[in-house]
C-alpha atoms as a PDB file:
ATOM      1  CA  UNK A   1     168.685 228.672  13.494  1.00  0.00           C
ATOM      2  CA  UNK A   2     165.920 226.454  15.712  1.00  0.00           C
ATOM      3  CA  UNK A   3     166.445 224.487  18.649  1.00  0.00           C
ATOM      4  CA  UNK A   4     165.616 220.903  16.567  1.00  0.00           C
ATOM      5  CA  UNK A   5     168.692 222.090  13.883  1.00  0.00           C
ATOM      6  CA  UNK A   6     170.972 222.814  17.148  1.00  0.00           C
ATOM      7  CA  UNK A   7     170.133 219.258  18.564  1.00  0.00           C
ATOM      8  CA  UNK A   8     170.579 217.368  15.265  1.00  0.00           C
ATOM      9  CA  UNK A   9     174.419 219.175  14.944  1.00  0.00           C
ATOM     10  CA  UNK A  10     175.763 218.779  18.507  1.00  0.00           C
ATOM     11  CA  UNK A  11     173.860 216.266  20.016  1.00  0.00           C
ATOM     12  CA  UNK A  12     176.566 213.877  20.418  1.00  0.00           C
ATOM     13  CA  UNK A  13     179.252 216.190  21.266  1.00  0.00           C
ATOM     14  CA  UNK A  14     179.982 216.013  24.521  1.00  0.00           C
ATOM     15  CA  UNK A  15     180.970 219.942  24.248  1.00  0.00           C
ATOM     16  CA  UNK A  16     181.311 222.070  21.163  1.00  0.00           C
ATOM     17  CA  UNK A  17     182.630 225.432  19.461  1.00  0.00           C
ATOM     18  CA  UNK A  18     180.449 228.095  17.606  1.00  0.00           C
ATOM     19  CA  UNK A  19     182.512 227.536  14.600  1.00  0.00           C
ATOM     20  CA  UNK A  20     180.489 224.126  14.411  1.00  0.00           C
ATOM     21  CA  UNK A  21     177.660 226.252  13.815  1.00  0.00           C
ATOM     22  CA  UNK A  22     178.513 228.862  11.297  1.00  0.00           C
ATOM     23  CA  UNK A  23     179.548 226.580   8.478  1.00  0.00           C
ATOM     24  CA  UNK A  24     176.937 226.943   4.918  1.00  0.00           C
ATOM     25  CA  UNK A  25     174.610 230.131   4.351  1.00  0.00           C
ATOM     26  CA  UNK A  26     173.748 231.469   8.195  1.00  0.00           C
ATOM     27  CA  UNK A  27     174.004 234.151   9.704  1.00  0.00           C
ATOM     28  CA  UNK A  28     176.696 234.366  12.681  1.00  0.00           C
ATOM     29  CA  UNK A  29     174.934 237.368  14.315  1.00  0.00           C
ATOM     30  CA  UNK A  30     171.755 235.174  14.737  1.00  0.00           C
ATOM     31  CA  UNK A  31     173.394 232.138  15.697  1.00  0.00           C
ATOM     32  CA  UNK A  32     175.123 234.172  18.572  1.00  0.00           C
ATOM     33  CA  UNK A  33     172.104 235.997  19.762  1.00  0.00           C
ATOM     34  CA  UNK A  34     170.197 232.616  19.414  1.00  0.00           C
ATOM     35  CA  UNK A  35     172.608 230.717  21.668  1.00  0.00           C
ATOM     36  CA  UNK A  36     172.689 233.897  24.397  1.00  0.00           C
ATOM     37  CA  UNK A  37     169.008 232.840  24.521  1.00  0.00           C
ATOM     38  CA  UNK A  38     169.298 229.454  25.123  1.00  0.00           C
ATOM     39  CA  UNK A  39     172.205 229.976  27.461  1.00  0.00           C
ATOM     40  CA  UNK A  40     169.640 232.484  29.248  1.00  0.00           C
ATOM     41  CA  UNK A  41     167.041 229.628  29.186  1.00  0.00           C
ATOM     42  CA  UNK A  42     169.329 227.518  30.673  1.00  0.00           C
ATOM     43  CA  UNK A  43     169.447 225.041  27.401  1.00  0.00           C
ATOM     44  CA  UNK A  44     172.860 225.495  27.112  1.00  0.00           C
ATOM     45  CA  UNK A  45     175.997 225.789  29.429  1.00  0.00           C
ATOM     46  CA  UNK A  46     178.785 228.582  28.055  1.00  0.00           C
ATOM     47  CA  UNK A  47     182.249 227.429  29.303  1.00  0.00           C
ATOM     48  CA  UNK A  48     183.944 230.450  27.798  1.00  0.00           C
ATOM     49  CA  UNK A  49     183.921 232.552  24.994  1.00  0.00           C
ATOM     50  CA  UNK A  50     182.914 230.196  21.751  1.00  0.00           C
ATOM     51  CA  UNK A  51     182.401 226.990  24.056  1.00  0.00           C
ATOM     52  CA  UNK A  52     179.351 225.454  24.915  1.00  0.00           C
ATOM     53  CA  UNK A  53     177.922 222.070  26.308  1.00  0.00           C
ATOM     54  CA  UNK A  54     173.817 221.166  26.180  1.00  0.00           C
ATOM     55  CA  UNK A  55     172.565 221.209  29.501  1.00  0.00           C
ATOM     56  CA  UNK A  56     170.394 218.451  31.172  1.00  0.00           C
ATOM     57  CA  UNK A  57     168.278 216.911  30.086  1.00  0.00           C
ATOM     58  CA  UNK A  58     168.945 217.474  26.376  1.00  0.00           C
ATOM     59  CA  UNK A  59     172.759 215.828  26.669  1.00  0.00           C
ATOM     60  CA  UNK A  60     173.034 213.097  25.140  1.00  0.00           C
ATOM     61  CA  UNK A  61     176.584 212.807  26.226  1.00  0.00           C
ATOM     62  CA  UNK A  62     177.839 214.212  29.973  1.00  0.00           C
ATOM     63  CA  UNK A  63     181.402 215.513  29.495  1.00  0.00           C
ATOM     64  CA  UNK A  64     184.377 213.937  31.079  1.00  0.00           C
ATOM     65  CA  UNK A  65     186.087 216.840  32.993  1.00  0.00           C
ATOM     66  CA  UNK A  66     189.167 215.620  30.915  1.00  0.00           C
ATOM     67  CA  UNK A  67     187.567 216.740  27.797  1.00  0.00           C
ATOM     68  CA  UNK A  68     186.180 220.101  28.992  1.00  0.00           C
ATOM     69  CA  UNK A  69     189.747 220.457  30.352  1.00  0.00           C
ATOM     70  CA  UNK A  70     191.227 220.144  27.121  1.00  0.00           C
ATOM     71  CA  UNK A  71     188.613 222.459  25.039  1.00  0.00           C
ATOM     72  CA  UNK A  72     188.850 225.132  27.410  1.00  0.00           C
ATOM     73  CA  UNK A  73     192.824 225.367  26.898  1.00  0.00           C
ATOM     74  CA  UNK A  74     193.254 223.972  23.046  1.00  0.00           C
ATOM     75  CA  UNK A  75     197.264 222.377  23.334  1.00  0.00           C
ATOM     76  CA  UNK A  76     196.467 221.497  27.379  1.00  0.00           C
ATOM     77  CA  UNK A  77     197.009 218.300  29.224  1.00  0.00           C
ATOM     78  CA  UNK A  78     195.882 217.105  32.015  1.00  0.00           C
ATOM     79  CA  UNK A  79     198.900 216.201  34.895  1.00  0.00           C
ATOM     80  CA  UNK A  80     200.106 217.372  37.886  1.00  0.00           C
ATOM     81  CA  UNK A  81     197.493 216.143  41.057  1.00  0.00           C
ATOM     82  CA  UNK A  82     195.145 215.235  39.197  1.00  0.00           C
ATOM     83  CA  UNK A  83     196.870 212.675  36.424  1.00  0.00           C
ATOM     84  CA  UNK A  84     199.066 211.385  39.748  1.00  0.00           C
ATOM     85  CA  UNK A  85     195.292 210.639  41.342  1.00  0.00           C
ATOM     86  CA  UNK A  86     193.939 208.999  38.278  1.00  0.00           C
ATOM     87  CA  UNK A  87     197.301 206.707  38.129  1.00  0.00           C
ATOM     88  CA  UNK A  88     196.884 205.965  42.002  1.00  0.00           C
ATOM     89  CA  UNK A  89     199.892 207.648  42.862  1.00  0.00           C
ATOM     90  CA  UNK A  90     199.030 209.612  44.939  1.00  0.00           C
ATOM     91  CA  UNK A  91     196.341 209.117  47.981  1.00  0.00           C
ATOM     92  CA  UNK A  92     194.013 212.213  47.593  1.00  0.00           C
ATOM     93  CA  UNK A  93     191.140 212.604  45.790  1.00  0.00           C
ATOM     94  CA  UNK A  94     191.471 215.815  43.661  1.00  0.00           C
ATOM     95  CA  UNK A  95     188.582 218.445  43.526  1.00  0.00           C
ATOM     96  CA  UNK A  96     189.735 220.164  40.558  1.00  0.00           C
ATOM     97  CA  UNK A  97     190.914 219.403  37.281  1.00  0.00           C
ATOM     98  CA  UNK A  98     194.351 220.224  36.733  1.00  0.00           C
ATOM     99  CA  UNK A  99     196.213 220.803  33.603  1.00  0.00           C
ATOM    100  CA  UNK A 100     199.233 222.206  31.862  1.00  0.00           C
ATOM    101  CA  UNK A 101     200.196 224.129  28.767  1.00  0.00           C
ATOM    102  CA  UNK A 102     202.059 226.884  27.016  1.00  0.00           C
ATOM    103  CA  UNK A 103     199.087 229.232  27.101  1.00  0.00           C
ATOM    104  CA  UNK A 104     198.339 231.787  30.144  1.00  0.00           C
ATOM    105  CA  UNK A 105     197.579 230.202  33.373  1.00  0.00           C
ATOM    106  CA  UNK A 106     194.026 230.646  34.887  1.00  0.00           C
ATOM    107  CA  UNK A 107     191.055 228.941  36.211  1.00  0.00           C
ATOM    108  CA  UNK A 108     187.906 228.008  34.848  1.00  0.00           C
ATOM    109  CA  UNK A 109     184.597 227.679  37.546  1.00  0.00           C
ATOM    110  CA  UNK A 110     182.077 225.855  35.338  1.00  0.00           C
ATOM    111  CA  UNK A 111     178.761 223.419  35.180  1.00  0.00           C
ATOM    112  CA  UNK A 112     181.350 220.536  35.601  1.00  0.00           C
ATOM    113  CA  UNK A 113     183.615 221.410  38.219  1.00  0.00           C
ATOM    114  CA  UNK A 114     186.639 223.955  38.721  1.00  0.00           C
ATOM    115  CA  UNK A 115     189.611 223.725  36.158  1.00  0.00           C
ATOM    116  CA  UNK A 116     193.298 224.928  36.866  1.00  0.00           C
ATOM    117  CA  UNK A 117     195.635 225.508  34.349  1.00  0.00           C
ATOM    118  CA  UNK A 118     199.566 226.140  34.759  1.00  0.00           C
ATOM    119  CA  UNK A 119     201.907 227.451  32.267  1.00  0.00           C
ATOM    120  CA  UNK A 120     204.864 225.612  31.751  1.00  0.00           C
ATOM    121  CA  UNK A 121     207.673 226.539  28.640  1.00  0.00           C
ATOM    122  CA  UNK A 122     206.871 225.384  25.046  1.00  0.00           C
ATOM    123  CA  UNK A 123     209.750 223.125  25.031  1.00  0.00           C
ATOM    124  CA  UNK A 124     208.482 220.761  27.865  1.00  0.00           C
ATOM    125  CA  UNK A 125     204.951 220.285  26.532  1.00  0.00           C
ATOM    126  CA  UNK A 126     205.289 216.738  25.746  1.00  0.00           C
ATOM    127  CA  UNK A 127     204.875 213.402  27.743  1.00  0.00           C
ATOM    128  CA  UNK A 128     201.112 212.807  27.445  1.00  0.00           C
ATOM    129  CA  UNK A 129     198.850 210.531  25.834  1.00  0.00           C
ATOM    130  CA  UNK A 130     195.552 209.962  24.600  1.00  0.00           C
ATOM    131  CA  UNK A 131     193.451 208.174  27.362  1.00  0.00           C
ATOM    132  CA  UNK A 132     190.115 206.600  26.391  1.00  0.00           C
ATOM    133  CA  UNK A 133     187.208 207.685  28.705  1.00  0.00           C
ATOM    134  CA  UNK A 134     184.676 205.448  27.717  1.00  0.00           C
ATOM    135  CA  UNK A 135     181.884 206.205  25.215  1.00  0.00           C
ATOM    136  CA  UNK A 136     184.214 207.338  22.286  1.00  0.00           C
ATOM    137  CA  UNK A 137     185.725 210.494  24.526  1.00  0.00           C
ATOM    138  CA  UNK A 138     189.421 211.152  24.850  1.00  0.00           C
ATOM    139  CA  UNK A 139     191.469 213.552  26.312  1.00  0.00           C
ATOM    140  CA  UNK A 140     195.061 214.002  26.613  1.00  0.00           C
ATOM    141  CA  UNK A 141     196.774 213.265  29.734  1.00  0.00           C
ATOM    142  CA  UNK A 142     200.307 213.348  31.136  1.00  0.00           C
ATOM    143  CA  UNK A 143     202.088 209.716  31.485  1.00  0.00           C
ATOM    144  CA  UNK A 144     203.041 209.073  34.982  1.00  0.00           C
ATOM    145  CA  UNK A 145     206.250 209.885  34.797  1.00  0.00           C
ATOM    146  CA  UNK A 146     205.686 213.532  33.042  1.00  0.00           C
ATOM    147  CA  UNK A 147     202.764 214.255  35.847  1.00  0.00           C
ATOM    148  CA  UNK A 148     205.336 213.834  38.614  1.00  0.00           C
ATOM    149  CA  UNK A 149     207.553 216.069  36.851  1.00  0.00           C
ATOM    150  CA  UNK A 150     205.281 218.618  35.694  1.00  0.00           C
ATOM    151  CA  UNK A 151     204.801 219.127  39.539  1.00  0.00           C
ATOM    152  CA  UNK A 152     208.008 219.131  40.252  1.00  0.00           C
ATOM    153  CA  UNK A 153     209.097 221.938  37.901  1.00  0.00           C
ATOM    154  CA  UNK A 154     205.761 223.905  38.908  1.00  0.00           C
ATOM    155  CA  UNK A 155     206.769 223.413  42.922  1.00  0.00           C
ATOM    156  CA  UNK A 156     209.828 225.979  44.649  1.00  0.00           C
ATOM    157  CA  UNK A 157     212.034 223.175  46.265  1.00  0.00           C
ATOM    158  CA  UNK A 158     209.965 220.072  44.434  1.00  0.00           C
ATOM    159  CA  UNK A 159     212.926 218.152  43.754  1.00  0.00           C
ATOM    160  CA  UNK A 160     213.955 217.810  47.426  1.00  0.00           C
ATOM    161  CA  UNK A 161     213.367 214.236  49.161  1.00  0.00           C
ATOM    162  CA  UNK A 162     211.530 216.144  51.973  1.00  0.00           C
ATOM    163  CA  UNK A 163     208.953 217.124  49.414  1.00  0.00           C
ATOM    164  CA  UNK A 164     209.133 214.359  47.664  1.00  0.00           C
ATOM    165  CA  UNK A 165     207.863 212.120  51.013  1.00  0.00           C
ATOM    166  CA  UNK A 166     205.032 214.971  51.936  1.00  0.00           C
ATOM    167  CA  UNK A 167     203.729 213.608  48.367  1.00  0.00           C
ATOM    168  CA  UNK A 168     203.169 210.203  49.992  1.00  0.00           C
ATOM    169  CA  UNK A 169     203.602 208.586  46.977  1.00  0.00           C
ATOM    170  CA  UNK A 170     202.210 204.885  46.747  1.00  0.00           C
ATOM    171  CA  UNK A 171     201.831 202.337  43.835  1.00  0.00           C
ATOM    172  CA  UNK A 172     205.307 203.056  43.077  1.00  0.00           C
ATOM    173  CA  UNK A 173     205.768 199.980  40.490  1.00  0.00           C
ATOM    174  CA  UNK A 174     203.405 202.030  38.186  1.00  0.00           C
ATOM    175  CA  UNK A 175     206.304 204.647  37.507  1.00  0.00           C
ATOM    176  CA  UNK A 176     209.037 203.555  35.102  1.00  0.00           C
ATOM    177  CA  UNK A 177     212.193 204.470  36.114  1.00  0.00           C
ATOM    178  CA  UNK A 178     214.004 204.372  32.616  1.00  0.00           C
ATOM    179  CA  UNK A 179     210.749 206.790  31.396  1.00  0.00           C
ATOM    180  CA  UNK A 180     211.265 209.285  34.617  1.00  0.00           C
ATOM    181  CA  UNK A 181     215.188 209.429  33.323  1.00  0.00           C
ATOM    182  CA  UNK A 182     214.340 210.115  29.628  1.00  0.00           C
ATOM    183  CA  UNK A 183     211.752 212.833  30.111  1.00  0.00           C
ATOM    184  CA  UNK A 184     214.232 214.864  32.695  1.00  0.00           C
ATOM    185  CA  UNK A 185     217.233 214.246  30.520  1.00  0.00           C
ATOM    186  CA  UNK A 186     214.570 215.435  27.738  1.00  0.00           C
ATOM    187  CA  UNK A 187     213.984 218.754  30.032  1.00  0.00           C
ATOM    188  CA  UNK A 188     217.675 219.542  30.318  1.00  0.00           C
ATOM    189  CA  UNK A 189     216.526 220.467  33.715  1.00  0.00           C
ATOM    190  CA  UNK A 190     219.078 220.012  36.536  1.00  0.00           C
ATOM    191  CA  UNK A 191     216.086 220.304  39.186  1.00  0.00           C
ATOM    192  CA  UNK A 192     214.273 217.477  37.071  1.00  0.00           C
ATOM    193  CA  UNK A 193     217.281 215.083  37.046  1.00  0.00           C
ATOM    194  CA  UNK A 194     217.715 215.380  40.657  1.00  0.00           C
ATOM    195  CA  UNK A 195     213.948 214.505  41.065  1.00  0.00           C
ATOM    196  CA  UNK A 196     214.418 211.671  38.869  1.00  0.00           C
ATOM    197  CA  UNK A 197     217.494 210.510  41.083  1.00  0.00           C
ATOM    198  CA  UNK A 198     215.749 210.648  44.402  1.00  0.00           C
ATOM    199  CA  UNK A 199     211.967 209.621  43.205  1.00  0.00           C
ATOM    200  CA  UNK A 200     214.267 206.524  42.194  1.00  0.00           C
ATOM    201  CA  UNK A 201     216.027 206.651  45.701  1.00  0.00           C
ATOM    202  CA  UNK A 202     212.472 206.050  47.048  1.00  0.00           C
ATOM    203  CA  UNK A 203     211.462 203.663  44.814  1.00  0.00           C
ATOM    204  CA  UNK A 204     214.941 201.645  46.114  1.00  0.00           C
ATOM    205  CA  UNK A 205     213.596 202.078  49.732  1.00  0.00           C
ATOM    206  CA  UNK A 206     210.126 200.715  49.467  1.00  0.00           C
ATOM    207  CA  UNK A 207     211.375 197.855  47.479  1.00  0.00           C
ATOM    208  CA  UNK A 208     213.718 197.484  50.545  1.00  0.00           C
ATOM    209  CA  UNK A 209     210.839 197.436  53.084  1.00  0.00           C
ATOM    210  CA  UNK A 210     209.038 194.989  51.289  1.00  0.00           C
ATOM    211  CA  UNK A 211     212.028 192.582  51.244  1.00  0.00           C
ATOM    212  CA  UNK A 212     211.746 193.207  55.256  1.00  0.00           C
ATOM    213  CA  UNK A 213     208.394 192.384  55.769  1.00  0.00           C
END
């Protein structure tokens, strides 16, 4: 495979897997050798085994970190602090992309940033949607209510009122309390049900504070 041929095939892809290059009458071993050479030459980034992205200046599309996250661990979705920050529900900026999936937990350090993956039970992999990122890129991200419940689920004592206050949740009007309750009920988790009730308490407290101003 020649470099120009590779650019023709993947030039508009944010990231690509080797399977995209193996269709038709090709020598797989030769493709893998050439990919390794281009990685060593700095033309390609290898993000994990079988997953690559074009390096500058050859990129026509810079991969959004959420797209990279979804490609690193298929079946995952962005959640926890990353999603809460994206929605403006917590004040902190998050330096890593945090995702959840039914796969093993892990960490990936790439030229596009650091990616943390947390394990949840397969039956809890729901409550996300496709998020438009611009430039025809899309990624799976938890809805605001599910991102909060995922964080509670993974945090010891995460359902306590003290912990929920420590999060310094803001813009609580972005949370749909009915959806929060429905997602907690679906999880069939007393911990998440307690958290949903306590978040509703925080919302009521905020509304009361505004009324007293």
